[in-house]
Amino acid sequence: TREKRDKKYSGWERKRGAIEQLVNYIVHSEENAFILKENIEALQNVKYICTLDADTVMPPESVVKLLGVITHPKNKEYALVQAGIGSTLKNETAFSKIMASTGGIDAYNYPIGEVNNDFFLSGSFCGKGIFSVEAYQKRVLGKIQPNTVLSHDLLEGELLNTLMANDVTFLDDFPKTPISFY
C-alpha cells in the first residue's frame, strides 16, 4: 500500500499489520491480505500464533515448549510468552564481529530472569514468541492507531502481559551494521 505520510509503498504496519490482519481473518473471517481459497476452516479453531522473523532459527521442540508454557493453568494471566533470544554463530561483517558475543546460548548468564518480569510481572516482548489469538483480539485490536508507533512489540507485550520462557531460546543473526543495531 502507499503510505501517505512516508510517501512510499510498504507493507501496512509491517509485522504488526500482518498480525492484525491474520487475527481479524481468524476471528472475524475478515477478507484482507490473508485470503485462503481452499481449506478456510483450517484457521477457524486457531488459538495461538507463533511470531518470529524470517532469519530466526527455532531449535527443535521450541514451539512445543512455548505452547506448553502458555497453556499451563498457572500461566493463564499471560497471553504472550516470549522466547529467549540467542545469537547464531554467523558474524559476517566487521561490525558484527566486533560487537557480537561468540554466539550460541550462554548457559551461565542466560537463565537469570528478565528484569521487567521480575519487578512488574510482565516482561518485554521483542517480536518472537507465542500469543493467544483470543486475547490479542480483546486486548490489542483497535488499541494502537495505525502509523503512530515505530516499535509495536513493547506495546503489544504490555497489553497482552508477557511471560519470559527462560528455558526456550530462538536464535537470530547479530545486526550487520550500526544502523540496524540501533
Protein backbone atom coordinates (compact mmCIF):
# COMPACT_ATOMS: atom_id res chain seq x y z
CA THR A 1 0.00 0.00 0.00
CA ARG A 2 1.04 3.60 -0.48
CA GLU A 3 1.83 5.24 2.85
CA LYS A 4 0.81 8.88 2.52
CA ARG A 5 2.91 10.08 5.44
CA ASP A 6 6.12 8.39 4.27
CA LYS A 7 5.34 8.88 0.57
CA LYS A 8 6.40 5.34 -0.31
CA TYR A 9 4.99 1.87 -0.80
CA SER A 10 5.38 -0.54 2.09
CA GLY A 11 3.59 -3.32 3.91
CA TRP A 12 0.80 -1.97 6.10
CA GLU A 13 2.29 -1.51 9.58
CA ARG A 14 4.90 -4.13 8.74
CA LYS A 15 4.68 -7.16 11.07
CA ARG A 16 2.06 -5.60 13.35
CA GLY A 17 -0.24 -5.01 10.41
CA ALA A 18 0.21 -8.57 9.18
CA ILE A 19 -0.54 -9.96 12.63
CA GLU A 20 -3.60 -7.75 12.99
CA GLN A 21 -4.90 -8.83 9.60
CA LEU A 22 -4.28 -12.50 10.39
CA VAL A 23 -6.11 -12.25 13.73
CA ASN A 24 -9.03 -10.45 12.05
CA TYR A 25 -9.14 -13.16 9.41
CA ILE A 26 -9.15 -15.95 12.03
CA VAL A 27 -11.64 -14.33 14.42
CA HIS A 28 -13.97 -12.46 12.06
CA SER A 29 -13.29 -14.12 8.66
CA GLU A 30 -12.49 -10.56 7.52
CA GLU A 31 -11.22 -10.56 3.97
CA ASN A 32 -7.82 -8.89 3.73
CA ALA A 33 -4.31 -9.93 2.71
CA PHE A 34 -4.91 -13.37 4.31
CA ILE A 35 -7.39 -14.90 1.92
CA LEU A 36 -7.44 -18.66 1.59
CA LYS A 37 -9.27 -20.04 -1.40
CA GLU A 38 -9.34 -23.59 -0.01
CA ASN A 39 -9.37 -25.08 3.49
CA ILE A 40 -10.57 -21.85 5.08
CA GLU A 41 -11.91 -23.85 8.02
CA ALA A 42 -8.32 -24.85 8.88
CA LEU A 43 -7.85 -21.48 10.61
CA GLN A 44 -11.22 -21.29 12.38
CA ASN A 45 -10.02 -23.01 15.55
CA VAL A 46 -6.54 -21.48 15.77
CA LYS A 47 -5.92 -20.47 19.38
CA TYR A 48 -2.25 -19.44 19.30
CA ILE A 49 0.10 -17.79 16.82
CA CYS A 50 3.88 -18.02 16.96
CA THR A 51 5.67 -14.93 15.66
CA LEU A 52 9.28 -14.62 14.55
CA ASP A 53 11.43 -13.04 11.88
CA ALA A 54 12.49 -14.63 8.60
CA ASP A 55 16.06 -15.11 9.86
CA THR A 56 15.07 -16.57 13.25
CA VAL A 57 16.20 -20.13 13.92
CA MET A 58 13.89 -22.21 16.10
CA PRO A 59 15.65 -25.18 17.71
CA PRO A 60 13.69 -28.45 17.67
CA GLU A 61 10.77 -28.59 20.13
CA SER A 62 10.98 -24.85 20.95
CA VAL A 63 7.45 -24.06 19.73
CA VAL A 64 6.07 -27.10 21.57
CA LYS A 65 7.72 -25.85 24.77
CA LEU A 66 6.25 -22.34 24.30
CA LEU A 67 2.82 -23.88 23.75
CA GLY A 68 3.24 -25.85 26.97
CA VAL A 69 4.11 -22.68 28.88
CA ILE A 70 1.24 -20.56 27.54
CA THR A 71 -1.36 -23.29 28.10
CA HIS A 72 -0.22 -24.19 31.62
CA PRO A 73 -3.02 -23.39 34.13
CA LYS A 74 -0.68 -21.34 36.36
CA ASN A 75 0.11 -19.01 33.44
CA LYS A 76 -3.44 -18.09 32.43
CA GLU A 77 -2.89 -14.39 33.24
CA TYR A 78 -0.25 -14.23 30.50
CA ALA A 79 -1.42 -14.05 26.89
CA LEU A 80 2.04 -13.91 25.32
CA VAL A 81 5.13 -16.00 26.04
CA GLN A 82 8.45 -14.56 24.87
CA ALA A 83 11.25 -16.93 23.92
CA GLY A 84 14.78 -16.06 24.90
CA ILE A 85 16.99 -14.83 22.08
CA GLY A 86 20.49 -16.11 21.48
CA SER A 87 22.67 -15.28 18.54
CA THR A 88 23.83 -17.54 15.74
CA LEU A 89 27.49 -18.23 15.24
CA LYS A 90 27.41 -16.34 11.95
CA ASN A 91 29.05 -12.89 12.12
CA GLU A 92 29.68 -11.71 8.57
CA THR A 93 30.67 -8.04 8.91
CA ALA A 94 33.41 -6.24 10.80
CA PHE A 95 30.72 -4.58 12.94
CA SER A 96 29.09 -7.86 13.96
CA LYS A 97 32.47 -9.50 14.60
CA ILE A 98 33.45 -6.68 16.98
CA MET A 99 30.09 -6.16 18.71
CA ALA A 100 28.62 -9.67 18.93
CA SER A 101 29.34 -12.24 21.55
CA THR A 102 30.73 -15.57 20.47
CA GLY A 103 27.19 -16.66 19.60
CA GLY A 104 25.01 -19.51 20.68
CA ILE A 105 23.33 -19.84 24.04
CA ASP A 106 25.24 -18.72 27.12
CA ALA A 107 24.24 -21.38 29.62
CA TYR A 108 25.65 -19.48 32.61
CA ASN A 109 24.30 -15.96 32.08
CA TYR A 110 21.14 -16.51 30.08
CA PRO A 111 18.62 -18.06 32.50
CA ILE A 112 18.90 -15.36 35.16
CA GLY A 113 15.48 -13.88 34.52
CA GLU A 114 14.04 -10.86 32.85
CA VAL A 115 14.05 -7.66 34.88
CA ASN A 116 10.64 -6.38 33.75
CA ASN A 117 9.05 -9.74 34.51
CA ASP A 118 10.74 -9.96 37.91
CA PHE A 119 9.65 -6.50 39.07
CA PHE A 120 6.43 -5.77 37.18
CA LEU A 121 5.13 -9.31 36.49
CA SER A 122 5.09 -8.54 32.77
CA GLY A 123 8.07 -8.99 30.51
CA SER A 124 9.12 -7.10 27.43
CA PHE A 125 8.42 -8.54 24.01
CA CYS A 126 10.89 -8.47 21.13
CA GLY A 127 8.62 -9.92 18.45
CA LYS A 128 9.48 -13.60 18.85
CA GLY A 129 7.13 -15.79 20.85
CA ILE A 130 3.62 -17.19 21.03
CA PHE A 131 0.38 -15.37 21.80
CA SER A 132 -3.31 -16.09 22.33
CA VAL A 133 -5.50 -15.13 19.36
CA GLU A 134 -8.49 -14.51 21.65
CA ALA A 135 -6.51 -12.24 23.97
CA TYR A 136 -4.98 -10.35 21.04
CA GLN A 137 -8.44 -9.72 19.65
CA LYS A 138 -9.73 -8.43 23.02
CA ARG A 139 -6.68 -6.52 24.27
CA VAL A 140 -4.79 -5.27 21.20
CA LEU A 141 -7.04 -4.90 18.14
CA GLY A 142 -8.06 -1.27 17.78
CA LYS A 143 -5.89 -0.08 20.70
CA ILE A 144 -2.93 1.14 18.62
CA GLN A 145 -3.77 3.63 15.90
CA PRO A 146 -2.15 2.92 12.51
CA ASN A 147 1.17 4.64 11.77
CA THR A 148 1.54 6.04 15.29
CA VAL A 149 4.32 3.89 16.77
CA LEU A 150 7.72 2.87 15.49
CA SER A 151 8.04 -0.27 17.61
CA HIS A 152 4.85 -2.12 18.40
CA ASP A 153 6.42 -5.07 20.23
CA LEU A 154 6.72 -3.41 23.63
CA LEU A 155 3.15 -2.07 23.49
CA GLU A 156 1.74 -5.44 22.46
CA GLY A 157 3.79 -7.11 25.17
CA GLU A 158 2.27 -4.87 27.83
CA LEU A 159 -1.28 -5.19 26.51
CA LEU A 160 -1.01 -8.98 26.40
CA ASN A 161 1.01 -9.39 29.62
CA THR A 162 4.20 -11.12 28.55
CA LEU A 163 5.86 -14.03 30.31
CA MET A 164 9.52 -14.83 29.63
CA ALA A 165 10.28 -18.50 28.98
CA ASN A 166 13.91 -18.75 30.05
CA ASP A 167 14.22 -22.37 29.00
CA VAL A 168 13.22 -21.74 25.36
CA THR A 169 15.63 -19.97 23.03
CA PHE A 170 15.32 -18.80 19.43
CA LEU A 171 18.49 -17.79 17.58
CA ASP A 172 18.97 -14.66 15.46
CA ASP A 173 21.81 -13.27 13.41
CA PHE A 174 23.55 -10.31 15.04
CA PRO A 175 22.83 -6.99 13.22
CA LYS A 176 25.32 -6.41 10.43
CA THR A 177 25.59 -2.61 10.67
CA PRO A 178 25.36 0.07 13.37
CA ILE A 179 22.13 1.39 11.77
CA SER A 180 20.41 -1.99 12.01
CA PHE A 181 21.75 -2.41 15.57
CA TYR A 182 20.45 0.89 16.91
